[in-house]
């Protein structure tokens, strides 16, 4: 099992992360569903913390550039797994975060 479809709501996402997801244009339904998955929640929280803790400059620009390439790969890979809605959905969610928070 890859854990992409796992649901564990025992630990909630930080309110600041949830607000940032809303500001990125993600619906309440999507935010709630995705943040119940511990792996997706960890990745989203790490990405959010990067946006908050890394100062403007070359490090932030380099990350944005690298994540742009990752976003393209996520979208390409999601097309390779058409029968797995959980994987497609997770990859699309992460791509949306990259687009919303790092571009």
PDB file of N, CA and C in Angstrom:
ATOM      1  N   UNK A   1       0.841  -1.182   0.000  1.00  0.00           N
ATOM      2  CA  UNK A   1       0.000   0.000   0.000  1.00  0.00           C
ATOM      3  C   UNK A   1       0.885   1.244   0.000  1.00  0.00           C
ATOM      4  N   UNK A   2       0.558   2.228  -0.807  1.00  0.00           N
ATOM      5  CA  UNK A   2       1.362   3.436  -0.902  1.00  0.00           C
ATOM      6  C   UNK A   2       0.950   4.518   0.085  1.00  0.00           C
ATOM      7  N   UNK A   3      -0.188   4.372   0.729  1.00  0.00           N
ATOM      8  CA  UNK A   3      -0.626   5.336   1.729  1.00  0.00           C
ATOM      9  C   UNK A   3      -1.306   6.562   1.186  1.00  0.00           C
ATOM     10  N   UNK A   4      -1.435   6.674  -0.117  1.00  0.00           N
ATOM     11  CA  UNK A   4      -2.054   7.857  -0.698  1.00  0.00           C
ATOM     12  C   UNK A   4      -3.548   7.901  -0.407  1.00  0.00           C
ATOM     13  N   UNK A   5      -4.166   6.759  -0.233  1.00  0.00           N
ATOM     14  CA  UNK A   5      -5.602   6.729   0.034  1.00  0.00           C
ATOM     15  C   UNK A   5      -5.929   6.528   1.514  1.00  0.00           C
ATOM     16  N   UNK A   6      -4.913   6.536   2.372  1.00  0.00           N
ATOM     17  CA  UNK A   6      -5.124   6.339   3.797  1.00  0.00           C
ATOM     18  C   UNK A   6      -5.829   7.558   4.390  1.00  0.00           C
ATOM     19  N   UNK A   7      -6.756   7.301   5.308  1.00  0.00           N
ATOM     20  CA  UNK A   7      -7.446   8.378   6.014  1.00  0.00           C
ATOM     21  C   UNK A   7      -7.167   8.217   7.496  1.00  0.00           C
ATOM     22  N   UNK A   8      -6.692   9.278   8.118  1.00  0.00           N
ATOM     23  CA  UNK A   8      -6.424   9.285   9.551  1.00  0.00           C
ATOM     24  C   UNK A   8      -6.699  10.691  10.056  1.00  0.00           C
ATOM     25  N   UNK A   9      -7.831  10.879  10.680  1.00  0.00           N
ATOM     26  CA  UNK A   9      -8.234  12.205  11.142  1.00  0.00           C
ATOM     27  C   UNK A   9      -7.930  12.414  12.627  1.00  0.00           C
ATOM     28  N   UNK A  10      -7.131  11.526  13.226  1.00  0.00           N
ATOM     29  CA  UNK A  10      -6.814  11.682  14.653  1.00  0.00           C
ATOM     30  C   UNK A  10      -6.022  12.956  14.916  1.00  0.00           C
ATOM     31  N   UNK A  11      -5.196  13.348  13.969  1.00  0.00           N
ATOM     32  CA  UNK A  11      -4.412  14.579  14.101  1.00  0.00           C
ATOM     33  C   UNK A  11      -4.850  15.502  12.980  1.00  0.00           C
ATOM     34  N   UNK A  12      -5.304  16.675  13.340  1.00  0.00           N
ATOM     35  CA  UNK A  12      -5.772  17.622  12.334  1.00  0.00           C
ATOM     36  C   UNK A  12      -4.639  18.477  11.798  1.00  0.00           C
ATOM     37  N   UNK A  13      -4.911  19.110  10.701  1.00  0.00           N
ATOM     38  CA  UNK A  13      -3.935  20.029  10.111  1.00  0.00           C
ATOM     39  C   UNK A  13      -3.979  21.353  10.867  1.00  0.00           C
ATOM     40  N   UNK A  14      -2.875  22.025  10.882  1.00  0.00           N
ATOM     41  CA  UNK A  14      -2.764  23.329  11.511  1.00  0.00           C
ATOM     42  C   UNK A  14      -3.705  24.325  10.823  1.00  0.00           C
ATOM     43  N   UNK A  15      -4.312  25.197  11.617  1.00  0.00           N
ATOM     44  CA  UNK A  15      -5.268  26.172  11.082  1.00  0.00           C
ATOM     45  C   UNK A  15      -4.626  27.087  10.034  1.00  0.00           C
ATOM     46  N   UNK A  16      -3.367  27.440  10.240  1.00  0.00           N
ATOM     47  CA  UNK A  16      -2.683  28.308   9.272  1.00  0.00           C
ATOM     48  C   UNK A  16      -2.519  27.601   7.929  1.00  0.00           C
ATOM     49  N   UNK A  17      -2.242  26.315   7.968  1.00  0.00           N
ATOM     50  CA  UNK A  17      -2.112  25.543   6.726  1.00  0.00           C
ATOM     51  C   UNK A  17      -3.455  25.482   6.013  1.00  0.00           C
ATOM     52  N   UNK A  18      -4.507  25.234   6.767  1.00  0.00           N
ATOM     53  CA  UNK A  18      -5.849  25.174   6.178  1.00  0.00           C
ATOM     54  C   UNK A  18      -6.216  26.510   5.539  1.00  0.00           C
ATOM     55  N   UNK A  19      -5.908  27.610   6.207  1.00  0.00           N
ATOM     56  CA  UNK A  19      -6.177  28.940   5.628  1.00  0.00           C
ATOM     57  C   UNK A  19      -5.397  29.140   4.333  1.00  0.00           C
ATOM     58  N   UNK A  20      -4.131  28.729   4.342  1.00  0.00           N
ATOM     59  CA  UNK A  20      -3.296  28.877   3.138  1.00  0.00           C
ATOM     60  C   UNK A  20      -3.835  28.025   1.995  1.00  0.00           C
ATOM     61  N   UNK A  21      -4.362  26.846   2.310  1.00  0.00           N
ATOM     62  CA  UNK A  21      -4.974  26.008   1.275  1.00  0.00           C
ATOM     63  C   UNK A  21      -6.192  26.708   0.678  1.00  0.00           C
ATOM     64  N   UNK A  22      -6.990  27.322   1.536  1.00  0.00           N
ATOM     65  CA  UNK A  22      -8.173  28.067   1.049  1.00  0.00           C
ATOM     66  C   UNK A  22      -7.735  29.223   0.161  1.00  0.00           C
ATOM     67  N   UNK A  23      -6.696  29.932   0.568  1.00  0.00           N
ATOM     68  CA  UNK A  23      -6.193  31.056  -0.221  1.00  0.00           C
ATOM     69  C   UNK A  23      -5.616  30.599  -1.556  1.00  0.00           C
ATOM     70  N   UNK A  24      -5.173  29.342  -1.620  1.00  0.00           N
ATOM     71  CA  UNK A  24      -4.649  28.780  -2.870  1.00  0.00           C
ATOM     72  C   UNK A  24      -5.787  28.359  -3.803  1.00  0.00           C
ATOM     73  N   UNK A  25      -7.033  28.502  -3.333  1.00  0.00           N
ATOM     74  CA  UNK A  25      -8.176  28.210  -4.191  1.00  0.00           C
ATOM     75  C   UNK A  25      -8.746  26.811  -4.047  1.00  0.00           C
ATOM     76  N   UNK A  26      -8.346  26.092  -3.014  1.00  0.00           N
ATOM     77  CA  UNK A  26      -8.858  24.736  -2.814  1.00  0.00           C
ATOM     78  C   UNK A  26     -10.172  24.783  -2.029  1.00  0.00           C
ATOM     79  N   UNK A  27     -11.138  24.053  -2.501  1.00  0.00           N
ATOM     80  CA  UNK A  27     -12.457  24.058  -1.866  1.00  0.00           C
ATOM     81  C   UNK A  27     -12.406  23.411  -0.483  1.00  0.00           C
ATOM     82  N   UNK A  28     -13.403  23.697   0.316  1.00  0.00           N
ATOM     83  CA  UNK A  28     -13.504  23.114   1.655  1.00  0.00           C
ATOM     84  C   UNK A  28     -13.510  21.591   1.573  1.00  0.00           C
ATOM     85  N   UNK A  29     -14.237  21.047   0.625  1.00  0.00           N
ATOM     86  CA  UNK A  29     -14.323  19.592   0.462  1.00  0.00           C
ATOM     87  C   UNK A  29     -12.949  18.994   0.176  1.00  0.00           C
ATOM     88  N   UNK A  30     -12.215  19.611  -0.730  1.00  0.00           N
ATOM     89  CA  UNK A  30     -10.879  19.108  -1.091  1.00  0.00           C
ATOM     90  C   UNK A  30      -9.919  19.262   0.084  1.00  0.00           C
ATOM     91  N   UNK A  31      -9.939  20.419   0.734  1.00  0.00           N
ATOM     92  CA  UNK A  31      -9.050  20.635   1.885  1.00  0.00           C
ATOM     93  C   UNK A  31      -9.294  19.581   2.960  1.00  0.00           C
ATOM     94  N   UNK A  32     -10.551  19.369   3.280  1.00  0.00           N
ATOM     95  CA  UNK A  32     -10.895  18.412   4.328  1.00  0.00           C
ATOM     96  C   UNK A  32     -10.466  17.004   3.947  1.00  0.00           C
ATOM     97  N   UNK A  33     -10.779  16.598   2.746  1.00  0.00           N
ATOM     98  CA  UNK A  33     -10.450  15.237   2.305  1.00  0.00           C
ATOM     99  C   UNK A  33      -8.945  15.008   2.263  1.00  0.00           C
ATOM    100  N   UNK A  34      -8.214  15.913   1.667  1.00  0.00           N
ATOM    101  CA  UNK A  34      -6.777  15.705   1.497  1.00  0.00           C
ATOM    102  C   UNK A  34      -6.023  15.776   2.818  1.00  0.00           C
ATOM    103  N   UNK A  35      -6.433  16.652   3.709  1.00  0.00           N
ATOM    104  CA  UNK A  35      -5.699  16.807   4.955  1.00  0.00           C
ATOM    105  C   UNK A  35      -6.018  15.710   5.970  1.00  0.00           C
ATOM    106  N   UNK A  36      -6.921  14.813   5.636  1.00  0.00           N
ATOM    107  CA  UNK A  36      -7.142  13.628   6.468  1.00  0.00           C
ATOM    108  C   UNK A  36      -6.091  12.558   6.201  1.00  0.00           C
ATOM    109  N   UNK A  37      -5.393  12.679   5.087  1.00  0.00           N
ATOM    110  CA  UNK A  37      -4.359  11.707   4.738  1.00  0.00           C
ATOM    111  C   UNK A  37      -3.046  12.158   5.375  1.00  0.00           C
ATOM    112  N   UNK A  38      -2.458  11.332   6.244  1.00  0.00           N
ATOM    113  CA  UNK A  38      -1.247  11.779   6.948  1.00  0.00           C
ATOM    114  C   UNK A  38      -0.069  12.099   6.028  1.00  0.00           C
ATOM    115  N   UNK A  39       0.100  11.380   4.948  1.00  0.00           N
ATOM    116  CA  UNK A  39       1.226  11.644   4.051  1.00  0.00           C
ATOM    117  C   UNK A  39       1.036  12.964   3.301  1.00  0.00           C
ATOM    118  N   UNK A  40      -0.153  13.162   2.795  1.00  0.00           N
ATOM    119  CA  UNK A  40      -0.444  14.414   2.082  1.00  0.00           C
ATOM    120  C   UNK A  40      -0.368  15.591   3.051  1.00  0.00           C
ATOM    121  N   UNK A  41      -0.878  15.407   4.263  1.00  0.00           N
ATOM    122  CA  UNK A  41      -0.834  16.466   5.282  1.00  0.00           C
ATOM    123  C   UNK A  41       0.610  16.836   5.598  1.00  0.00           C
ATOM    124  N   UNK A  42       1.494  15.846   5.720  1.00  0.00           N
ATOM    125  CA  UNK A  42       2.902  16.128   6.003  1.00  0.00           C
ATOM    126  C   UNK A  42       3.557  16.909   4.867  1.00  0.00           C
ATOM    127  N   UNK A  43       3.296  16.498   3.645  1.00  0.00           N
ATOM    128  CA  UNK A  43       3.885  17.187   2.493  1.00  0.00           C
ATOM    129  C   UNK A  43       3.364  18.614   2.404  1.00  0.00           C
ATOM    130  N   UNK A  44       2.058  18.786   2.549  1.00  0.00           N
ATOM    131  CA  UNK A  44       1.451  20.123   2.470  1.00  0.00           C
ATOM    132  C   UNK A  44       1.984  21.014   3.590  1.00  0.00           C
ATOM    133  N   UNK A  45       2.118  20.463   4.784  1.00  0.00           N
ATOM    134  CA  UNK A  45       2.617  21.254   5.913  1.00  0.00           C
ATOM    135  C   UNK A  45       4.071  21.655   5.685  1.00  0.00           C
ATOM    136  N   UNK A  46       4.878  20.741   5.183  1.00  0.00           N
ATOM    137  CA  UNK A  46       6.277  21.059   4.883  1.00  0.00           C
ATOM    138  C   UNK A  46       6.364  22.163   3.823  1.00  0.00           C
ATOM    139  N   UNK A  47       5.552  22.046   2.783  1.00  0.00           N
ATOM    140  CA  UNK A  47       5.555  23.074   1.740  1.00  0.00           C
ATOM    141  C   UNK A  47       5.123  24.420   2.315  1.00  0.00           C
ATOM    142  N   UNK A  48       4.090  24.411   3.150  1.00  0.00           N
ATOM    143  CA  UNK A  48       3.619  25.648   3.771  1.00  0.00           C
ATOM    144  C   UNK A  48       4.725  26.260   4.628  1.00  0.00           C
ATOM    145  N   UNK A  49       5.373  25.439   5.460  1.00  0.00           N
ATOM    146  CA  UNK A  49       6.439  25.949   6.315  1.00  0.00           C
ATOM    147  C   UNK A  49       7.565  26.568   5.490  1.00  0.00           C
ATOM    148  N   UNK A  50       7.868  25.971   4.366  1.00  0.00           N
ATOM    149  CA  UNK A  50       8.905  26.541   3.491  1.00  0.00           C
ATOM    150  C   UNK A  50       8.505  27.939   3.041  1.00  0.00           C
ATOM    151  N   UNK A  51       7.235  28.105   2.667  1.00  0.00           N
ATOM    152  CA  UNK A  51       6.795  29.429   2.212  1.00  0.00           C
ATOM    153  C   UNK A  51       6.896  30.464   3.325  1.00  0.00           C
ATOM    154  N   UNK A  52       6.765  30.021   4.562  1.00  0.00           N
ATOM    155  CA  UNK A  52       6.783  30.943   5.694  1.00  0.00           C
ATOM    156  C   UNK A  52       8.175  31.185   6.272  1.00  0.00           C
ATOM    157  N   UNK A  53       9.037  30.186   6.224  1.00  0.00           N
ATOM    158  CA  UNK A  53      10.313  30.283   6.924  1.00  0.00           C
ATOM    159  C   UNK A  53      11.503  30.671   6.055  1.00  0.00           C
ATOM    160  N   UNK A  54      11.457  30.341   4.779  1.00  0.00           N
ATOM    161  CA  UNK A  54      12.592  30.642   3.908  1.00  0.00           C
ATOM    162  C   UNK A  54      12.453  32.080   3.401  1.00  0.00           C
ATOM    163  N   UNK A  55      13.459  32.897   3.674  1.00  0.00           N
ATOM    164  CA  UNK A  55      13.374  34.294   3.239  1.00  0.00           C
ATOM    165  C   UNK A  55      13.472  34.422   1.716  1.00  0.00           C
ATOM    166  N   UNK A  56      12.974  35.542   1.233  1.00  0.00           N
ATOM    167  CA  UNK A  56      13.074  35.823  -0.198  1.00  0.00           C
ATOM    168  C   UNK A  56      14.544  35.818  -0.594  1.00  0.00           C
ATOM    169  N   UNK A  57      14.810  35.351  -1.790  1.00  0.00           N
ATOM    170  CA  UNK A  57      16.186  35.326  -2.261  1.00  0.00           C
ATOM    171  C   UNK A  57      16.450  34.117  -3.121  1.00  0.00           C
ATOM    172  N   UNK A  58      17.722  33.808  -3.268  1.00  0.00           N
ATOM    173  CA  UNK A  58      18.103  32.751  -4.198  1.00  0.00           C
ATOM    174  C   UNK A  58      17.582  31.383  -3.770  1.00  0.00           C
ATOM    175  N   UNK A  59      17.527  31.100  -2.463  1.00  0.00           N
ATOM    176  CA  UNK A  59      17.012  29.815  -1.999  1.00  0.00           C
ATOM    177  C   UNK A  59      15.553  29.623  -2.358  1.00  0.00           C
ATOM    178  N   UNK A  60      14.775  30.673  -2.213  1.00  0.00           N
ATOM    179  CA  UNK A  60      13.354  30.589  -2.533  1.00  0.00           C
ATOM    180  C   UNK A  60      13.152  30.477  -4.046  1.00  0.00           C
ATOM    181  N   UNK A  61      13.957  31.211  -4.803  1.00  0.00           N
ATOM    182  CA  UNK A  61      13.862  31.134  -6.265  1.00  0.00           C
ATOM    183  C   UNK A  61      14.250  29.751  -6.771  1.00  0.00           C
ATOM    184  N   UNK A  62      15.291  29.193  -6.193  1.00  0.00           N
ATOM    185  CA  UNK A  62      15.745  27.860  -6.585  1.00  0.00           C
ATOM    186  C   UNK A  62      14.670  26.817  -6.286  1.00  0.00           C
ATOM    187  N   UNK A  63      14.049  26.920  -5.139  1.00  0.00           N
ATOM    188  CA  UNK A  63      12.979  25.985  -4.779  1.00  0.00           C
ATOM    189  C   UNK A  63      11.815  26.118  -5.735  1.00  0.00           C
ATOM    190  N   UNK A  64      11.433  27.337  -6.051  1.00  0.00           N
ATOM    191  CA  UNK A  64      10.332  27.557  -6.986  1.00  0.00           C
ATOM    192  C   UNK A  64      10.621  26.925  -8.337  1.00  0.00           C
ATOM    193  N   UNK A  65      11.846  27.084  -8.789  1.00  0.00           N
ATOM    194  CA  UNK A  65      12.247  26.503 -10.069  1.00  0.00           C
ATOM    195  C   UNK A  65      12.185  24.980 -10.018  1.00  0.00           C
ATOM    196  N   UNK A  66      12.734  24.405  -8.965  1.00  0.00           N
ATOM    197  CA  UNK A  66      12.727  22.950  -8.830  1.00  0.00           C
ATOM    198  C   UNK A  66      11.313  22.393  -8.712  1.00  0.00           C
ATOM    199  N   UNK A  67      10.473  23.081  -7.961  1.00  0.00           N
ATOM    200  CA  UNK A  67       9.103  22.612  -7.776  1.00  0.00           C
ATOM    201  C   UNK A  67       8.269  22.754  -9.054  1.00  0.00           C
ATOM    202  N   UNK A  68       8.620  23.716  -9.894  1.00  0.00           N
ATOM    203  CA  UNK A  68       7.920  23.838 -11.174  1.00  0.00           C
ATOM    204  C   UNK A  68       8.147  22.575 -12.001  1.00  0.00           C
ATOM    205  N   UNK A  69       9.374  22.075 -11.981  1.00  0.00           N
ATOM    206  CA  UNK A  69       9.670  20.826 -12.679  1.00  0.00           C
ATOM    207  C   UNK A  69       8.944  19.652 -12.055  1.00  0.00           C
ATOM    208  N   UNK A  70       8.858  19.640 -10.732  1.00  0.00           N
ATOM    209  CA  UNK A  70       8.138  18.572 -10.042  1.00  0.00           C
ATOM    210  C   UNK A  70       6.653  18.626 -10.378  1.00  0.00           C
ATOM    211  N   UNK A  71       6.101  19.816 -10.437  1.00  0.00           N
ATOM    212  CA  UNK A  71       4.684  19.964 -10.784  1.00  0.00           C
ATOM    213  C   UNK A  71       4.396  19.354 -12.154  1.00  0.00           C
ATOM    214  N   UNK A  72       5.252  19.629 -13.114  1.00  0.00           N
ATOM    215  CA  UNK A  72       5.078  19.041 -14.449  1.00  0.00           C
ATOM    216  C   UNK A  72       5.126  17.520 -14.387  1.00  0.00           C
ATOM    217  N   UNK A  73       6.077  16.987 -13.644  1.00  0.00           N
ATOM    218  CA  UNK A  73       6.204  15.526 -13.515  1.00  0.00           C
ATOM    219  C   UNK A  73       4.989  14.918 -12.813  1.00  0.00           C
ATOM    220  N   UNK A  74       4.481  15.591 -11.776  1.00  0.00           N
ATOM    221  CA  UNK A  74       3.288  15.098 -11.078  1.00  0.00           C
ATOM    222  C   UNK A  74       2.105  14.986 -12.034  1.00  0.00           C
ATOM    223  N   UNK A  75       1.923  16.015 -12.839  1.00  0.00           N
ATOM    224  CA  UNK A  75       0.797  15.999 -13.774  1.00  0.00           C
ATOM    225  C   UNK A  75       0.990  14.932 -14.850  1.00  0.00           C
ATOM    226  N   UNK A  76       2.223  14.767 -15.327  1.00  0.00           N
ATOM    227  CA  UNK A  76       2.509  13.710 -16.307  1.00  0.00           C
ATOM    228  C   UNK A  76       2.261  12.333 -15.704  1.00  0.00           C
ATOM    229  N   UNK A  77       2.734  12.123 -14.492  1.00  0.00           N
ATOM    230  CA  UNK A  77       2.602  10.826 -13.846  1.00  0.00           C
ATOM    231  C   UNK A  77       1.150  10.502 -13.508  1.00  0.00           C
ATOM    232  N   UNK A  78       0.367  11.511 -13.191  1.00  0.00           N
ATOM    233  CA  UNK A  78      -1.037  11.245 -12.861  1.00  0.00           C
ATOM    234  C   UNK A  78      -1.764  10.673 -14.068  1.00  0.00           C
ATOM    235  N   UNK A  79      -1.319  11.021 -15.259  1.00  0.00           N
ATOM    236  CA  UNK A  79      -1.923  10.474 -16.473  1.00  0.00           C
ATOM    237  C   UNK A  79      -1.543   9.014 -16.704  1.00  0.00           C
ATOM    238  N   UNK A  80      -0.470   8.571 -16.070  1.00  0.00           N
ATOM    239  CA  UNK A  80      -0.041   7.187 -16.224  1.00  0.00           C
ATOM    240  C   UNK A  80      -0.820   6.230 -15.321  1.00  0.00           C
ATOM    241  N   UNK A  81      -1.579   6.767 -14.386  1.00  0.00           N
ATOM    242  CA  UNK A  81      -2.334   5.938 -13.445  1.00  0.00           C
ATOM    243  C   UNK A  81      -3.832   6.260 -13.551  1.00  0.00           C
ATOM    244  N   UNK A  82      -4.401   6.128 -14.748  1.00  0.00           N
ATOM    245  CA  UNK A  82      -5.800   6.556 -14.924  1.00  0.00           C
ATOM    246  C   UNK A  82      -6.805   5.740 -14.119  1.00  0.00           C
ATOM    247  N   UNK A  83      -6.448   4.514 -13.750  1.00  0.00           N
ATOM    248  CA  UNK A  83      -7.398   3.686 -13.014  1.00  0.00           C
ATOM    249  C   UNK A  83      -7.336   3.946 -11.504  1.00  0.00           C
ATOM    250  N   UNK A  84      -6.413   4.770 -11.050  1.00  0.00           N
ATOM    251  CA  UNK A  84      -6.258   5.000  -9.626  1.00  0.00           C
ATOM    252  C   UNK A  84      -6.608   6.443  -9.288  1.00  0.00           C
ATOM    253  N   UNK A  85      -7.850   6.657  -8.921  1.00  0.00           N
ATOM    254  CA  UNK A  85      -8.316   8.007  -8.623  1.00  0.00           C
ATOM    255  C   UNK A  85      -7.573   8.638  -7.451  1.00  0.00           C
ATOM    256  N   UNK A  86      -7.192   7.840  -6.450  1.00  0.00           N
ATOM    257  CA  UNK A  86      -6.504   8.379  -5.275  1.00  0.00           C
ATOM    258  C   UNK A  86      -5.157   8.980  -5.667  1.00  0.00           C
ATOM    259  N   UNK A  87      -4.424   8.289  -6.522  1.00  0.00           N
ATOM    260  CA  UNK A  87      -3.123   8.800  -6.953  1.00  0.00           C
ATOM    261  C   UNK A  87      -3.293  10.036  -7.821  1.00  0.00           C
ATOM    262  N   UNK A  88      -4.206   9.984  -8.759  1.00  0.00           N
ATOM    263  CA  UNK A  88      -4.454  11.151  -9.618  1.00  0.00           C
ATOM    264  C   UNK A  88      -4.839  12.361  -8.781  1.00  0.00           C
ATOM    265  N   UNK A  89      -5.740  12.137  -7.843  1.00  0.00           N
ATOM    266  CA  UNK A  89      -6.219  13.219  -6.998  1.00  0.00           C
ATOM    267  C   UNK A  89      -5.104  13.795  -6.127  1.00  0.00           C
ATOM    268  N   UNK A  90      -4.281  12.945  -5.533  1.00  0.00           N
ATOM    269  CA  UNK A  90      -3.182  13.410  -4.691  1.00  0.00           C
ATOM    270  C   UNK A  90      -2.170  14.216  -5.504  1.00  0.00           C
ATOM    271  N   UNK A  91      -1.852  13.734  -6.683  1.00  0.00           N
ATOM    272  CA  UNK A  91      -0.880  14.440  -7.526  1.00  0.00           C
ATOM    273  C   UNK A  91      -1.431  15.785  -7.989  1.00  0.00           C
ATOM    274  N   UNK A  92      -2.698  15.820  -8.337  1.00  0.00           N
ATOM    275  CA  UNK A  92      -3.315  17.082  -8.742  1.00  0.00           C
ATOM    276  C   UNK A  92      -3.342  18.070  -7.576  1.00  0.00           C
ATOM    277  N   UNK A  93      -3.613  17.582  -6.376  1.00  0.00           N
ATOM    278  CA  UNK A  93      -3.624  18.422  -5.176  1.00  0.00           C
ATOM    279  C   UNK A  93      -2.242  19.028  -4.942  1.00  0.00           C
ATOM    280  N   UNK A  94      -1.210  18.204  -4.986  1.00  0.00           N
ATOM    281  CA  UNK A  94       0.148  18.700  -4.766  1.00  0.00           C
ATOM    282  C   UNK A  94       0.579  19.663  -5.867  1.00  0.00           C
ATOM    283  N   UNK A  95       0.192  19.384  -7.094  1.00  0.00           N
ATOM    284  CA  UNK A  95       0.509  20.300  -8.203  1.00  0.00           C
ATOM    285  C   UNK A  95      -0.162  21.647  -7.980  1.00  0.00           C
ATOM    286  N   UNK A  96      -1.389  21.629  -7.479  1.00  0.00           N
ATOM    287  CA  UNK A  96      -2.122  22.879  -7.207  1.00  0.00           C
ATOM    288  C   UNK A  96      -1.415  23.670  -6.099  1.00  0.00           C
ATOM    289  N   UNK A  97      -0.900  22.976  -5.094  1.00  0.00           N
ATOM    290  CA  UNK A  97      -0.159  23.659  -4.034  1.00  0.00           C
ATOM    291  C   UNK A  97       1.107  24.309  -4.570  1.00  0.00           C
ATOM    292  N   UNK A  98       1.829  23.576  -5.382  1.00  0.00           N
ATOM    293  CA  UNK A  98       3.041  24.135  -5.974  1.00  0.00           C
ATOM    294  C   UNK A  98       2.705  25.374  -6.782  1.00  0.00           C
ATOM    295  N   UNK A  99       1.676  25.276  -7.579  1.00  0.00           N
ATOM    296  CA  UNK A  99       1.265  26.413  -8.411  1.00  0.00           C
ATOM    297  C   UNK A  99       0.812  27.592  -7.552  1.00  0.00           C
ATOM    298  N   UNK A 100       0.063  27.311  -6.506  1.00  0.00           N
ATOM    299  CA  UNK A 100      -0.476  28.376  -5.675  1.00  0.00           C
ATOM    300  C   UNK A 100       0.521  29.001  -4.708  1.00  0.00           C
ATOM    301  N   UNK A 101       1.446  28.221  -4.213  1.00  0.00           N
ATOM    302  CA  UNK A 101       2.350  28.711  -3.178  1.00  0.00           C
ATOM    303  C   UNK A 101       3.746  29.064  -3.670  1.00  0.00           C
ATOM    304  N   UNK A 102       4.149  28.573  -4.815  1.00  0.00           N
ATOM    305  CA  UNK A 102       5.542  28.764  -5.237  1.00  0.00           C
ATOM    306  C   UNK A 102       5.704  29.460  -6.587  1.00  0.00           C
ATOM    307  N   UNK A 103       4.634  29.895  -7.184  1.00  0.00           N
ATOM    308  CA  UNK A 103       4.773  30.599  -8.468  1.00  0.00           C
ATOM    309  C   UNK A 103       4.343  32.023  -8.351  1.00  0.00           C
TER     310      UNK A 103
END
